[in-house]
Amino acid sequence: MERANEGLSQSGGSIQAGAMAVGRGATASNVSNTVCDALREGGRGPIADRLDELLRALRDHAAELPDPDGIQGSADTVVHELARDEPNKITILGILSGIRDTVGSVSGIAAAAGGLMTEVRNLL
C-alpha cells in the first residue's frame, strides 16, 4: 500500500526559504521581516539593513558553514533580542562576535556580522 505524502518530497535541486511549513497543522513565520520593519519604524534603519544583509549572507553561504544550524540559531537569537523593547547590547555583540569568529573563512558572512556589530554599537 502506498502512503500519501504529507510532507515535502524533492528530487534534485535545492530549496531556500525564509520560512517554510510542511504537513498537517504546520505553521511558519518570518520573524526577521517583522523585526526589521519595526527597527526601521523606530529609527533604527541601519541596524535593520545590516541584519537583512547578515541573514541573506547566511542563507547564501549555508553550504560553506561548519555548523549551519548552530550559526543560524545564533542569528535567530540576535533577531529575537533586537525585537525586545530594550535589546541587550552586550548579548547581541557577544553573539555576533561568535558568529564572525566561527565563519571567519566565509568572508561575506564575517563582513555582514561585523557591519551589524558596528551599527549596534552606534545606535543602541
PDB file of N, CA and C in Angstrom:
ATOM      1  N   MET A   1       0.833  -1.173   0.000  1.00  0.00           N
ATOM      2  CA  MET A   1       0.000   0.000   0.000  1.00  0.00           C
ATOM      3  C   MET A   1       0.883   1.243   0.000  1.00  0.00           C
ATOM      4  N   GLU A   2       0.600   2.148  -0.902  1.00  0.00           N
ATOM      5  CA  GLU A   2       1.364   3.376  -0.986  1.00  0.00           C
ATOM      6  C   GLU A   2       0.735   4.432  -0.085  1.00  0.00           C
ATOM      7  N   ARG A   3       1.574   5.071   0.717  1.00  0.00           N
ATOM      8  CA  ARG A   3       1.080   6.115   1.624  1.00  0.00           C
ATOM      9  C   ARG A   3       1.093   7.457   0.917  1.00  0.00           C
ATOM     10  N   ALA A   4       0.138   8.284   1.227  1.00  0.00           N
ATOM     11  CA  ALA A   4       0.093   9.640   0.681  1.00  0.00           C
ATOM     12  C   ALA A   4       1.182  10.477   1.341  1.00  0.00           C
ATOM     13  N   ASN A   5       1.833  11.274   0.552  1.00  0.00           N
ATOM     14  CA  ASN A   5       2.861  12.154   1.080  1.00  0.00           C
ATOM     15  C   ASN A   5       2.192  13.295   1.837  1.00  0.00           C
ATOM     16  N   GLU A   6       2.529  13.423   3.106  1.00  0.00           N
ATOM     17  CA  GLU A   6       2.007  14.523   3.917  1.00  0.00           C
ATOM     18  C   GLU A   6       3.113  15.501   4.270  1.00  0.00           C
ATOM     19  N   GLY A   7       4.216  15.367   3.609  1.00  0.00           N
ATOM     20  CA  GLY A   7       5.343  16.241   3.895  1.00  0.00           C
ATOM     21  C   GLY A   7       5.836  16.889   2.631  1.00  0.00           C
ATOM     22  N   LEU A   8       7.104  16.930   2.470  1.00  0.00           N
ATOM     23  CA  LEU A   8       7.732  17.559   1.329  1.00  0.00           C
ATOM     24  C   LEU A   8       8.570  16.515   0.634  1.00  0.00           C
ATOM     25  N   SER A   9       8.430  16.425  -0.649  1.00  0.00           N
ATOM     26  CA  SER A   9       9.226  15.492  -1.425  1.00  0.00           C
ATOM     27  C   SER A   9       9.923  16.273  -2.514  1.00  0.00           C
ATOM     28  N   GLN A  10      11.236  16.165  -2.562  1.00  0.00           N
ATOM     29  CA  GLN A  10      12.004  16.894  -3.558  1.00  0.00           C
ATOM     30  C   GLN A  10      13.014  15.954  -4.172  1.00  0.00           C
ATOM     31  N   SER A  11      13.144  16.033  -5.451  1.00  0.00           N
ATOM     32  CA  SER A  11      14.125  15.217  -6.148  1.00  0.00           C
ATOM     33  C   SER A  11      15.065  16.150  -6.889  1.00  0.00           C
ATOM     34  N   GLY A  12      16.273  16.299  -6.383  1.00  0.00           N
ATOM     35  CA  GLY A  12      17.248  17.180  -7.012  1.00  0.00           C
ATOM     36  C   GLY A  12      17.046  18.632  -6.624  1.00  0.00           C
ATOM     37  N   GLY A  13      18.005  19.444  -6.961  1.00  0.00           N
ATOM     38  CA  GLY A  13      17.911  20.871  -6.695  1.00  0.00           C
ATOM     39  C   GLY A  13      18.019  21.207  -5.227  1.00  0.00           C
ATOM     40  N   SER A  14      17.638  22.405  -4.897  1.00  0.00           N
ATOM     41  CA  SER A  14      17.699  22.845  -3.510  1.00  0.00           C
ATOM     42  C   SER A  14      16.549  23.807  -3.227  1.00  0.00           C
ATOM     43  N   ILE A  15      16.264  23.961  -1.960  1.00  0.00           N
ATOM     44  CA  ILE A  15      15.220  24.882  -1.524  1.00  0.00           C
ATOM     45  C   ILE A  15      15.864  25.871  -0.565  1.00  0.00           C
ATOM     46  N   GLN A  16      15.579  27.148  -0.785  1.00  0.00           N
ATOM     47  CA  GLN A  16      16.000  28.172   0.161  1.00  0.00           C
ATOM     48  C   GLN A  16      14.753  28.964   0.513  1.00  0.00           C
ATOM     49  N   ALA A  17      14.435  29.011   1.770  1.00  0.00           N
ATOM     50  CA  ALA A  17      13.219  29.701   2.189  1.00  0.00           C
ATOM     51  C   ALA A  17      13.460  30.419   3.501  1.00  0.00           C
ATOM     52  N   GLY A  18      12.866  31.572   3.619  1.00  0.00           N
ATOM     53  CA  GLY A  18      12.937  32.301   4.876  1.00  0.00           C
ATOM     54  C   GLY A  18      12.089  31.639   5.939  1.00  0.00           C
ATOM     55  N   ALA A  19      10.966  31.079   5.515  1.00  0.00           N
ATOM     56  CA  ALA A  19      10.075  30.358   6.423  1.00  0.00           C
ATOM     57  C   ALA A  19       9.324  29.330   5.592  1.00  0.00           C
ATOM     58  N   MET A  20       9.245  28.115   6.104  1.00  0.00           N
ATOM     59  CA  MET A  20       8.557  27.056   5.383  1.00  0.00           C
ATOM     60  C   MET A  20       7.913  26.126   6.388  1.00  0.00           C
ATOM     61  N   ALA A  21       6.689  25.737   6.111  1.00  0.00           N
ATOM     62  CA  ALA A  21       5.988  24.781   6.964  1.00  0.00           C
ATOM     63  C   ALA A  21       5.426  23.683   6.076  1.00  0.00           C
ATOM     64  N   VAL A  22       5.531  22.452   6.542  1.00  0.00           N
ATOM     65  CA  VAL A  22       5.070  21.320   5.756  1.00  0.00           C
ATOM     66  C   VAL A  22       4.327  20.366   6.666  1.00  0.00           C
ATOM     67  N   GLY A  23       3.204  19.848   6.206  1.00  0.00           N
ATOM     68  CA  GLY A  23       2.480  18.831   6.950  1.00  0.00           C
ATOM     69  C   GLY A  23       1.271  19.384   7.676  1.00  0.00           C
ATOM     70  N   ARG A  24       0.549  18.470   8.268  1.00  0.00           N
ATOM     71  CA  ARG A  24      -0.683  18.837   8.974  1.00  0.00           C
ATOM     72  C   ARG A  24      -0.415  19.801  10.122  1.00  0.00           C
ATOM     73  N   GLY A  25      -1.165  20.870  10.140  1.00  0.00           N
ATOM     74  CA  GLY A  25      -1.074  21.821  11.239  1.00  0.00           C
ATOM     75  C   GLY A  25       0.206  22.631  11.267  1.00  0.00           C
ATOM     76  N   ALA A  26       1.023  22.520  10.240  1.00  0.00           N
ATOM     77  CA  ALA A  26       2.295  23.238  10.226  1.00  0.00           C
ATOM     78  C   ALA A  26       2.064  24.733  10.051  1.00  0.00           C
ATOM     79  N   THR A  27       2.908  25.513  10.690  1.00  0.00           N
ATOM     80  CA  THR A  27       2.877  26.959  10.519  1.00  0.00           C
ATOM     81  C   THR A  27       4.304  27.451  10.343  1.00  0.00           C
ATOM     82  N   ALA A  28       4.443  28.589   9.723  1.00  0.00           N
ATOM     83  CA  ALA A  28       5.759  29.191   9.545  1.00  0.00           C
ATOM     84  C   ALA A  28       5.601  30.697   9.577  1.00  0.00           C
ATOM     85  N   SER A  29       6.600  31.358  10.074  1.00  0.00           N
ATOM     86  CA  SER A  29       6.588  32.814  10.039  1.00  0.00           C
ATOM     87  C   SER A  29       8.003  33.290   9.835  1.00  0.00           C
ATOM     88  N   ASN A  30       8.117  34.460   9.314  1.00  0.00           N
ATOM     89  CA  ASN A  30       9.429  35.036   9.113  1.00  0.00           C
ATOM     90  C   ASN A  30       9.560  36.215  10.063  1.00  0.00           C
ATOM     91  N   VAL A  31       9.995  35.912  11.260  1.00  0.00           N
ATOM     92  CA  VAL A  31      10.109  36.908  12.318  1.00  0.00           C
ATOM     93  C   VAL A  31      11.066  38.028  11.919  1.00  0.00           C
ATOM     94  N   SER A  32      12.115  37.680  11.181  1.00  0.00           N
ATOM     95  CA  SER A  32      13.128  38.693  10.870  1.00  0.00           C
ATOM     96  C   SER A  32      12.543  39.844  10.058  1.00  0.00           C
ATOM     97  N   ASN A  33      11.602  39.574   9.134  1.00  0.00           N
ATOM     98  CA  ASN A  33      10.991  40.667   8.372  1.00  0.00           C
ATOM     99  C   ASN A  33      10.224  41.602   9.287  1.00  0.00           C
ATOM    100  N   THR A  34       9.477  41.052  10.208  1.00  0.00           N
ATOM    101  CA  THR A  34       8.713  41.852  11.153  1.00  0.00           C
ATOM    102  C   THR A  34       9.640  42.687  12.024  1.00  0.00           C
ATOM    103  N   VAL A  35      10.712  42.072  12.492  1.00  0.00           N
ATOM    104  CA  VAL A  35      11.675  42.782  13.344  1.00  0.00           C
ATOM    105  C   VAL A  35      12.339  43.909  12.554  1.00  0.00           C
ATOM    106  N   CYS A  36      12.742  43.622  11.326  1.00  0.00           N
ATOM    107  CA  CYS A  36      13.381  44.665  10.513  1.00  0.00           C
ATOM    108  C   CYS A  36      12.431  45.827  10.255  1.00  0.00           C
ATOM    109  N   ASP A  37      11.175  45.533   9.969  1.00  0.00           N
ATOM    110  CA  ASP A  37      10.190  46.598   9.768  1.00  0.00           C
ATOM    111  C   ASP A  37      10.061  47.455  11.024  1.00  0.00           C
ATOM    112  N   ALA A  38       9.985  46.803  12.185  1.00  0.00           N
ATOM    113  CA  ALA A  38       9.858  47.537  13.449  1.00  0.00           C
ATOM    114  C   ALA A  38      11.099  48.380  13.722  1.00  0.00           C
ATOM    115  N   LEU A  39      12.278  47.839  13.418  1.00  0.00           N
ATOM    116  CA  LEU A  39      13.511  48.602  13.613  1.00  0.00           C
ATOM    117  C   LEU A  39      13.512  49.851  12.734  1.00  0.00           C
ATOM    118  N   ARG A  40      13.090  49.685  11.486  1.00  0.00           N
ATOM    119  CA  ARG A  40      13.048  50.836  10.572  1.00  0.00           C
ATOM    120  C   ARG A  40      12.063  51.887  11.075  1.00  0.00           C
ATOM    121  N   GLU A  41      10.886  51.435  11.511  1.00  0.00           N
ATOM    122  CA  GLU A  41       9.874  52.365  12.021  1.00  0.00           C
ATOM    123  C   GLU A  41      10.354  53.077  13.281  1.00  0.00           C
ATOM    124  N   GLY A  42      11.220  52.418  14.051  1.00  0.00           N
ATOM    125  CA  GLY A  42      11.726  53.008  15.282  1.00  0.00           C
ATOM    126  C   GLY A  42      12.998  53.817  15.095  1.00  0.00           C
ATOM    127  N   GLY A  43      13.356  54.120  13.857  1.00  0.00           N
ATOM    128  CA  GLY A  43      14.535  54.940  13.602  1.00  0.00           C
ATOM    129  C   GLY A  43      15.849  54.179  13.621  1.00  0.00           C
ATOM    130  N   ARG A  44      15.774  52.871  13.527  1.00  0.00           N
ATOM    131  CA  ARG A  44      16.996  52.058  13.541  1.00  0.00           C
ATOM    132  C   ARG A  44      17.171  51.324  12.215  1.00  0.00           C
ATOM    133  N   GLY A  45      16.911  52.061  11.136  1.00  0.00           N
ATOM    134  CA  GLY A  45      17.022  51.503   9.796  1.00  0.00           C
ATOM    135  C   GLY A  45      18.380  50.890   9.482  1.00  0.00           C
ATOM    136  N   PRO A  46      19.493  51.540   9.885  1.00  0.00           N
ATOM    137  CA  PRO A  46      20.800  50.953   9.594  1.00  0.00           C
ATOM    138  C   PRO A  46      20.998  49.571  10.245  1.00  0.00           C
ATOM    139  N   ILE A  47      20.431  49.377  11.433  1.00  0.00           N
ATOM    140  CA  ILE A  47      20.518  48.057  12.069  1.00  0.00           C
ATOM    141  C   ILE A  47      19.706  47.054  11.252  1.00  0.00           C
ATOM    142  N   ALA A  48      18.507  47.447  10.824  1.00  0.00           N
ATOM    143  CA  ALA A  48      17.669  46.564  10.017  1.00  0.00           C
ATOM    144  C   ALA A  48      18.368  46.189   8.717  1.00  0.00           C
ATOM    145  N   ASP A  49      19.015  47.154   8.072  1.00  0.00           N
ATOM    146  CA  ASP A  49      19.717  46.887   6.815  1.00  0.00           C
ATOM    147  C   ASP A  49      20.848  45.887   7.019  1.00  0.00           C
ATOM    148  N   ARG A  50      21.627  46.078   8.082  1.00  0.00           N
ATOM    149  CA  ARG A  50      22.742  45.155   8.345  1.00  0.00           C
ATOM    150  C   ARG A  50      22.227  43.779   8.763  1.00  0.00           C
ATOM    151  N   LEU A  51      21.112  43.733   9.493  1.00  0.00           N
ATOM    152  CA  LEU A  51      20.520  42.451   9.873  1.00  0.00           C
ATOM    153  C   LEU A  51      20.060  41.707   8.631  1.00  0.00           C
ATOM    154  N   ASP A  52      19.381  42.396   7.724  1.00  0.00           N
ATOM    155  CA  ASP A  52      18.980  41.783   6.452  1.00  0.00           C
ATOM    156  C   ASP A  52      20.189  41.230   5.711  1.00  0.00           C
ATOM    157  N   GLU A  53      21.250  42.006   5.682  1.00  0.00           N
ATOM    158  CA  GLU A  53      22.477  41.600   4.994  1.00  0.00           C
ATOM    159  C   GLU A  53      23.057  40.325   5.612  1.00  0.00           C
ATOM    160  N   LEU A  54      23.100  40.267   6.933  1.00  0.00           N
ATOM    161  CA  LEU A  54      23.627  39.081   7.610  1.00  0.00           C
ATOM    162  C   LEU A  54      22.775  37.854   7.322  1.00  0.00           C
ATOM    163  N   LEU A  55      21.472  37.984   7.449  1.00  0.00           N
ATOM    164  CA  LEU A  55      20.587  36.831   7.232  1.00  0.00           C
ATOM    165  C   LEU A  55      20.655  36.346   5.791  1.00  0.00           C
ATOM    166  N   ARG A  56      20.756  37.272   4.848  1.00  0.00           N
ATOM    167  CA  ARG A  56      20.901  36.898   3.438  1.00  0.00           C
ATOM    168  C   ARG A  56      22.224  36.167   3.203  1.00  0.00           C
ATOM    169  N   ALA A  57      23.298  36.674   3.802  1.00  0.00           N
ATOM    170  CA  ALA A  57      24.617  36.026   3.650  1.00  0.00           C
ATOM    171  C   ALA A  57      24.599  34.621   4.249  1.00  0.00           C
ATOM    172  N   LEU A  58      23.925  34.445   5.383  1.00  0.00           N
ATOM    173  CA  LEU A  58      23.830  33.116   5.991  1.00  0.00           C
ATOM    174  C   LEU A  58      23.083  32.147   5.076  1.00  0.00           C
ATOM    175  N   ARG A  59      22.005  32.608   4.447  1.00  0.00           N
ATOM    176  CA  ARG A  59      21.269  31.747   3.505  1.00  0.00           C
ATOM    177  C   ARG A  59      22.126  31.418   2.289  1.00  0.00           C
ATOM    178  N   ASP A  60      22.788  32.435   1.745  1.00  0.00           N
ATOM    179  CA  ASP A  60      23.553  32.254   0.512  1.00  0.00           C
ATOM    180  C   ASP A  60      24.773  31.368   0.690  1.00  0.00           C
ATOM    181  N   HIS A  61      25.346  31.346   1.881  1.00  0.00           N
ATOM    182  CA  HIS A  61      26.595  30.609   2.122  1.00  0.00           C
ATOM    183  C   HIS A  61      26.435  29.448   3.098  1.00  0.00           C
ATOM    184  N   ALA A  62      25.216  29.005   3.327  1.00  0.00           N
ATOM    185  CA  ALA A  62      24.967  27.955   4.319  1.00  0.00           C
ATOM    186  C   ALA A  62      25.803  26.704   4.065  1.00  0.00           C
ATOM    187  N   ALA A  63      25.978  26.334   2.813  1.00  0.00           N
ATOM    188  CA  ALA A  63      26.730  25.115   2.488  1.00  0.00           C
ATOM    189  C   ALA A  63      28.211  25.227   2.854  1.00  0.00           C
ATOM    190  N   GLU A  64      28.703  26.431   3.034  1.00  0.00           N
ATOM    191  CA  GLU A  64      30.117  26.640   3.358  1.00  0.00           C
ATOM    192  C   GLU A  64      30.389  26.689   4.858  1.00  0.00           C
ATOM    193  N   LEU A  65      29.344  26.653   5.659  1.00  0.00           N
ATOM    194  CA  LEU A  65      29.499  26.846   7.100  1.00  0.00           C
ATOM    195  C   LEU A  65      29.825  25.549   7.816  1.00  0.00           C
ATOM    196  N   PRO A  66      30.645  25.634   8.871  1.00  0.00           N
ATOM    197  CA  PRO A  66      30.993  24.431   9.638  1.00  0.00           C
ATOM    198  C   PRO A  66      29.819  23.892  10.459  1.00  0.00           C
ATOM    199  N   ASP A  67      28.942  24.753  10.910  1.00  0.00           N
ATOM    200  CA  ASP A  67      27.781  24.364  11.722  1.00  0.00           C
ATOM    201  C   ASP A  67      26.612  25.273  11.353  1.00  0.00           C
ATOM    202  N   PRO A  68      26.011  25.057  10.169  1.00  0.00           N
ATOM    203  CA  PRO A  68      24.983  25.997   9.711  1.00  0.00           C
ATOM    204  C   PRO A  68      23.797  26.127  10.661  1.00  0.00           C
ATOM    205  N   ASP A  69      23.354  25.041  11.270  1.00  0.00           N
ATOM    206  CA  ASP A  69      22.211  25.118  12.182  1.00  0.00           C
ATOM    207  C   ASP A  69      22.551  25.912  13.435  1.00  0.00           C
ATOM    208  N   GLY A  70      23.727  25.683  13.982  1.00  0.00           N
ATOM    209  CA  GLY A  70      24.147  26.414  15.178  1.00  0.00           C
ATOM    210  C   GLY A  70      24.326  27.895  14.908  1.00  0.00           C
ATOM    211  N   ILE A  71      24.908  28.206  13.753  1.00  0.00           N
ATOM    212  CA  ILE A  71      25.126  29.609  13.403  1.00  0.00           C
ATOM    213  C   ILE A  71      23.798  30.299  13.126  1.00  0.00           C
ATOM    214  N   GLN A  72      22.888  29.622  12.424  1.00  0.00           N
ATOM    215  CA  GLN A  72      21.571  30.204  12.173  1.00  0.00           C
ATOM    216  C   GLN A  72      20.804  30.386  13.479  1.00  0.00           C
ATOM    217  N   GLY A  73      20.937  29.428  14.390  1.00  0.00           N
ATOM    218  CA  GLY A  73      20.300  29.561  15.699  1.00  0.00           C
ATOM    219  C   GLY A  73      20.813  30.780  16.455  1.00  0.00           C
ATOM    220  N   SER A  74      22.105  31.029  16.352  1.00  0.00           N
ATOM    221  CA  SER A  74      22.678  32.217  16.986  1.00  0.00           C
ATOM    222  C   SER A  74      22.132  33.489  16.351  1.00  0.00           C
ATOM    223  N   ALA A  75      22.030  33.492  15.032  1.00  0.00           N
ATOM    224  CA  ALA A  75      21.473  34.654  14.340  1.00  0.00           C
ATOM    225  C   ALA A  75      20.011  34.866  14.734  1.00  0.00           C
ATOM    226  N   ASP A  76      19.271  33.778  14.888  1.00  0.00           N
ATOM    227  CA  ASP A  76      17.871  33.891  15.328  1.00  0.00           C
ATOM    228  C   ASP A  76      17.786  34.518  16.717  1.00  0.00           C
ATOM    229  N   THR A  77      18.742  34.182  17.580  1.00  0.00           N
ATOM    230  CA  THR A  77      18.769  34.778  18.918  1.00  0.00           C
ATOM    231  C   THR A  77      18.990  36.285  18.822  1.00  0.00           C
ATOM    232  N   VAL A  78      19.855  36.717  17.896  1.00  0.00           N
ATOM    233  CA  VAL A  78      20.077  38.151  17.681  1.00  0.00           C
ATOM    234  C   VAL A  78      18.781  38.811  17.224  1.00  0.00           C
ATOM    235  N   VAL A  79      18.078  38.162  16.289  1.00  0.00           N
ATOM    236  CA  VAL A  79      16.809  38.713  15.802  1.00  0.00           C
ATOM    237  C   VAL A  79      15.834  38.896  16.962  1.00  0.00           C
ATOM    238  N   HIS A  80      15.695  37.869  17.784  1.00  0.00           N
ATOM    239  CA  HIS A  80      14.758  37.943  18.911  1.00  0.00           C
ATOM    240  C   HIS A  80      15.187  38.999  19.934  1.00  0.00           C
ATOM    241  N   GLU A  81      16.473  39.142  20.143  1.00  0.00           N
ATOM    242  CA  GLU A  81      16.960  40.160  21.082  1.00  0.00           C
ATOM    243  C   GLU A  81      16.671  41.564  20.534  1.00  0.00           C
ATOM    244  N   LEU A  82      16.861  41.745  19.231  1.00  0.00           N
ATOM    245  CA  LEU A  82      16.592  43.050  18.621  1.00  0.00           C
ATOM    246  C   LEU A  82      15.107  43.379  18.637  1.00  0.00           C
ATOM    247  N   ALA A  83      14.259  42.366  18.759  1.00  0.00           N
ATOM    248  CA  ALA A  83      12.810  42.581  18.799  1.00  0.00           C
ATOM    249  C   ALA A  83      12.341  43.106  20.158  1.00  0.00           C
ATOM    250  N   ARG A  84      13.178  42.976  21.168  1.00  0.00           N
ATOM    251  CA  ARG A  84      12.793  43.421  22.509  1.00  0.00           C
ATOM    252  C   ARG A  84      12.709  44.941  22.576  1.00  0.00           C
ATOM    253  N   ASP A  85      11.922  45.433  23.509  1.00  0.00           N
ATOM    254  CA  ASP A  85      11.810  46.878  23.709  1.00  0.00           C
ATOM    255  C   ASP A  85      13.157  47.490  24.077  1.00  0.00           C
ATOM    256  N   GLU A  86      13.913  46.767  24.886  1.00  0.00           N
ATOM    257  CA  GLU A  86      15.246  47.220  25.285  1.00  0.00           C
ATOM    258  C   GLU A  86      16.247  46.098  25.019  1.00  0.00           C
ATOM    259  N   PRO A  87      16.731  45.994  23.776  1.00  0.00           N
ATOM    260  CA  PRO A  87      17.671  44.918  23.446  1.00  0.00           C
ATOM    261  C   PRO A  87      18.950  45.027  24.279  1.00  0.00           C
ATOM    262  N   ASN A  88      19.501  43.875  24.633  1.00  0.00           N
ATOM    263  CA  ASN A  88      20.736  43.832  25.412  1.00  0.00           C
ATOM    264  C   ASN A  88      21.916  43.902  24.445  1.00  0.00           C
ATOM    265  N   LYS A  89      22.566  45.038  24.436  1.00  0.00           N
ATOM    266  CA  LYS A  89      23.680  45.296  23.525  1.00  0.00           C
ATOM    267  C   LYS A  89      24.817  44.297  23.726  1.00  0.00           C
ATOM    268  N   ILE A  90      25.114  43.968  24.969  1.00  0.00           N
ATOM    269  CA  ILE A  90      26.206  43.030  25.259  1.00  0.00           C
ATOM    270  C   ILE A  90      25.891  41.652  24.697  1.00  0.00           C
ATOM    271  N   THR A  91      24.670  41.203  24.861  1.00  0.00           N
ATOM    272  CA  THR A  91      24.262  39.898  24.330  1.00  0.00           C
ATOM    273  C   THR A  91      24.396  39.888  22.813  1.00  0.00           C
ATOM    274  N   ILE A  92      23.869  40.911  22.169  1.00  0.00           N
ATOM    275  CA  ILE A  92      23.908  40.973  20.699  1.00  0.00           C
ATOM    276  C   ILE A  92      25.345  40.993  20.196  1.00  0.00           C
ATOM    277  N   LEU A  93      26.164  41.858  20.778  1.00  0.00           N
ATOM    278  CA  LEU A  93      27.557  41.954  20.326  1.00  0.00           C
ATOM    279  C   LEU A  93      28.324  40.664  20.583  1.00  0.00           C
ATOM    280  N   GLY A  94      28.068  40.016  21.708  1.00  0.00           N
ATOM    281  CA  GLY A  94      28.741  38.756  22.007  1.00  0.00           C
ATOM    282  C   GLY A  94      28.398  37.669  21.006  1.00  0.00           C
ATOM    283  N   ILE A  95      27.122  37.564  20.674  1.00  0.00           N
ATOM    284  CA  ILE A  95      26.693  36.548  19.712  1.00  0.00           C
ATOM    285  C   ILE A  95      27.254  36.855  18.329  1.00  0.00           C
ATOM    286  N   LEU A  96      27.177  38.117  17.912  1.00  0.00           N
ATOM    287  CA  LEU A  96      27.710  38.482  16.595  1.00  0.00           C
ATOM    288  C   LEU A  96      29.212  38.243  16.510  1.00  0.00           C
ATOM    289  N   SER A  97      29.915  38.512  17.597  1.00  0.00           N
ATOM    290  CA  SER A  97      31.353  38.234  17.633  1.00  0.00           C
ATOM    291  C   SER A  97      31.616  36.741  17.452  1.00  0.00           C
ATOM    292  N   GLY A  98      30.802  35.919  18.112  1.00  0.00           N
ATOM    293  CA  GLY A  98      30.941  34.469  17.964  1.00  0.00           C
ATOM    294  C   GLY A  98      30.658  34.013  16.544  1.00  0.00           C
ATOM    295  N   ILE A  99      29.628  34.579  15.927  1.00  0.00           N
ATOM    296  CA  ILE A  99      29.328  34.242  14.535  1.00  0.00           C
ATOM    297  C   ILE A  99      30.502  34.631  13.653  1.00  0.00           C
ATOM    298  N   ARG A 100      30.966  35.854  13.800  1.00  0.00           N
ATOM    299  CA  ARG A 100      32.082  36.344  12.972  1.00  0.00           C
ATOM    300  C   ARG A 100      33.320  35.463  13.128  1.00  0.00           C
ATOM    301  N   ASP A 101      33.636  35.088  14.354  1.00  0.00           N
ATOM    302  CA  ASP A 101      34.815  34.263  14.592  1.00  0.00           C
ATOM    303  C   ASP A 101      34.648  32.856  14.020  1.00  0.00           C
ATOM    304  N   THR A 102      33.441  32.313  14.111  1.00  0.00           N
ATOM    305  CA  THR A 102      33.186  30.955  13.632  1.00  0.00           C
ATOM    306  C   THR A 102      33.228  30.865  12.117  1.00  0.00           C
ATOM    307  N   VAL A 103      32.770  31.891  11.434  1.00  0.00           N
ATOM    308  CA  VAL A 103      32.679  31.853   9.964  1.00  0.00           C
ATOM    309  C   VAL A 103      33.822  32.594   9.303  1.00  0.00           C
ATOM    310  N   GLY A 104      34.893  32.816  10.007  1.00  0.00           N
ATOM    311  CA  GLY A 104      35.999  33.614   9.505  1.00  0.00           C
ATOM    312  C   GLY A 104      36.390  33.369   8.068  1.00  0.00           C
ATOM    313  N   SER A 105      36.320  32.120   7.624  1.00  0.00           N
ATOM    314  CA  SER A 105      36.728  31.804   6.256  1.00  0.00           C
ATOM    315  C   SER A 105      35.642  32.146   5.235  1.00  0.00           C
ATOM    316  N   VAL A 106      34.448  32.428   5.678  1.00  0.00           N
ATOM    317  CA  VAL A 106      33.350  32.804   4.784  1.00  0.00           C
ATOM    318  C   VAL A 106      33.202  34.315   4.902  1.00  0.00           C
ATOM    319  N   SER A 107      33.968  35.026   4.098  1.00  0.00           N
ATOM    320  CA  SER A 107      34.132  36.468   4.298  1.00  0.00           C
ATOM    321  C   SER A 107      32.836  37.256   4.184  1.00  0.00           C
ATOM    322  N   GLY A 108      31.896  36.849   3.347  1.00  0.00           N
ATOM    323  CA  GLY A 108      30.645  37.593   3.214  1.00  0.00           C
ATOM    324  C   GLY A 108      29.866  37.626   4.515  1.00  0.00           C
ATOM    325  N   ILE A 109      29.865  36.500   5.225  1.00  0.00           N
ATOM    326  CA  ILE A 109      29.142  36.439   6.497  1.00  0.00           C
ATOM    327  C   ILE A 109      29.901  37.201   7.576  1.00  0.00           C
ATOM    328  N   ALA A 110      31.208  37.031   7.605  1.00  0.00           N
ATOM    329  CA  ALA A 110      32.017  37.733   8.604  1.00  0.00           C
ATOM    330  C   ALA A 110      31.870  39.246   8.437  1.00  0.00           C
ATOM    331  N   ALA A 111      31.879  39.718   7.196  1.00  0.00           N
ATOM    332  CA  ALA A 111      31.725  41.150   6.941  1.00  0.00           C
ATOM    333  C   ALA A 111      30.332  41.625   7.347  1.00  0.00           C
ATOM    334  N   ALA A 112      29.314  40.824   7.064  1.00  0.00           N
ATOM    335  CA  ALA A 112      27.944  41.203   7.431  1.00  0.00           C
ATOM    336  C   ALA A 112      27.786  41.254   8.942  1.00  0.00           C
ATOM    337  N   ALA A 113      28.354  40.277   9.645  1.00  0.00           N
ATOM    338  CA  ALA A 113      28.285  40.280  11.111  1.00  0.00           C
ATOM    339  C   ALA A 113      29.012  41.497  11.673  1.00  0.00           C
ATOM    340  N   GLY A 114      30.169  41.804  11.098  1.00  0.00           N
ATOM    341  CA  GLY A 114      30.922  42.977  11.538  1.00  0.00           C
ATOM    342  C   GLY A 114      30.167  44.274  11.288  1.00  0.00           C
ATOM    343  N   GLY A 115      29.492  44.356  10.142  1.00  0.00           N
ATOM    344  CA  GLY A 115      28.695  45.546   9.832  1.00  0.00           C
ATOM    345  C   GLY A 115      27.550  45.738  10.812  1.00  0.00           C
ATOM    346  N   LEU A 116      26.894  44.635  11.170  1.00  0.00           N
ATOM    347  CA  LEU A 116      25.810  44.722  12.149  1.00  0.00           C
ATOM    348  C   LEU A 116      26.353  45.105  13.522  1.00  0.00           C
ATOM    349  N   MET A 117      27.515  44.571  13.881  1.00  0.00           N
ATOM    350  CA  MET A 117      28.129  44.930  15.165  1.00  0.00           C
ATOM    351  C   MET A 117      28.374  46.440  15.234  1.00  0.00           C
ATOM    352  N   THR A 118      28.883  47.009  14.150  1.00  0.00           N
ATOM    353  CA  THR A 118      29.158  48.447  14.113  1.00  0.00           C
ATOM    354  C   THR A 118      27.881  49.246  14.320  1.00  0.00           C
ATOM    355  N   GLU A 119      26.804  48.873  13.627  1.00  0.00           N
ATOM    356  CA  GLU A 119      25.543  49.608  13.764  1.00  0.00           C
ATOM    357  C   GLU A 119      24.956  49.456  15.164  1.00  0.00           C
ATOM    358  N   VAL A 120      25.061  48.265  15.735  1.00  0.00           N
ATOM    359  CA  VAL A 120      24.551  48.055  17.100  1.00  0.00           C
ATOM    360  C   VAL A 120      25.322  48.937  18.077  1.00  0.00           C
ATOM    361  N   ARG A 121      26.645  48.984  17.928  1.00  0.00           N
ATOM    362  CA  ARG A 121      27.452  49.842  18.826  1.00  0.00           C
ATOM    363  C   ARG A 121      27.036  51.308  18.690  1.00  0.00           C
ATOM    364  N   ASN A 122      26.761  51.736  17.447  1.00  0.00           N
ATOM    365  CA  ASN A 122      26.443  53.148  17.199  1.00  0.00           C
ATOM    366  C   ASN A 122      25.033  53.547  17.601  1.00  0.00           C
ATOM    367  N   LEU A 123      24.075  52.624  17.468  1.00  0.00           N
ATOM    368  CA  LEU A 123      22.675  53.011  17.618  1.00  0.00           C
ATOM    369  C   LEU A 123      21.980  52.491  18.869  1.00  0.00           C
ATOM    370  N   LEU A 124      22.550  51.514  19.543  1.00  0.00           N
ATOM    371  CA  LEU A 124      21.892  51.013  20.761  1.00  0.00           C
ATOM    372  C   LEU A 124      22.545  51.603  21.994  1.00  0.00           C
TER     373      LEU A 124
END
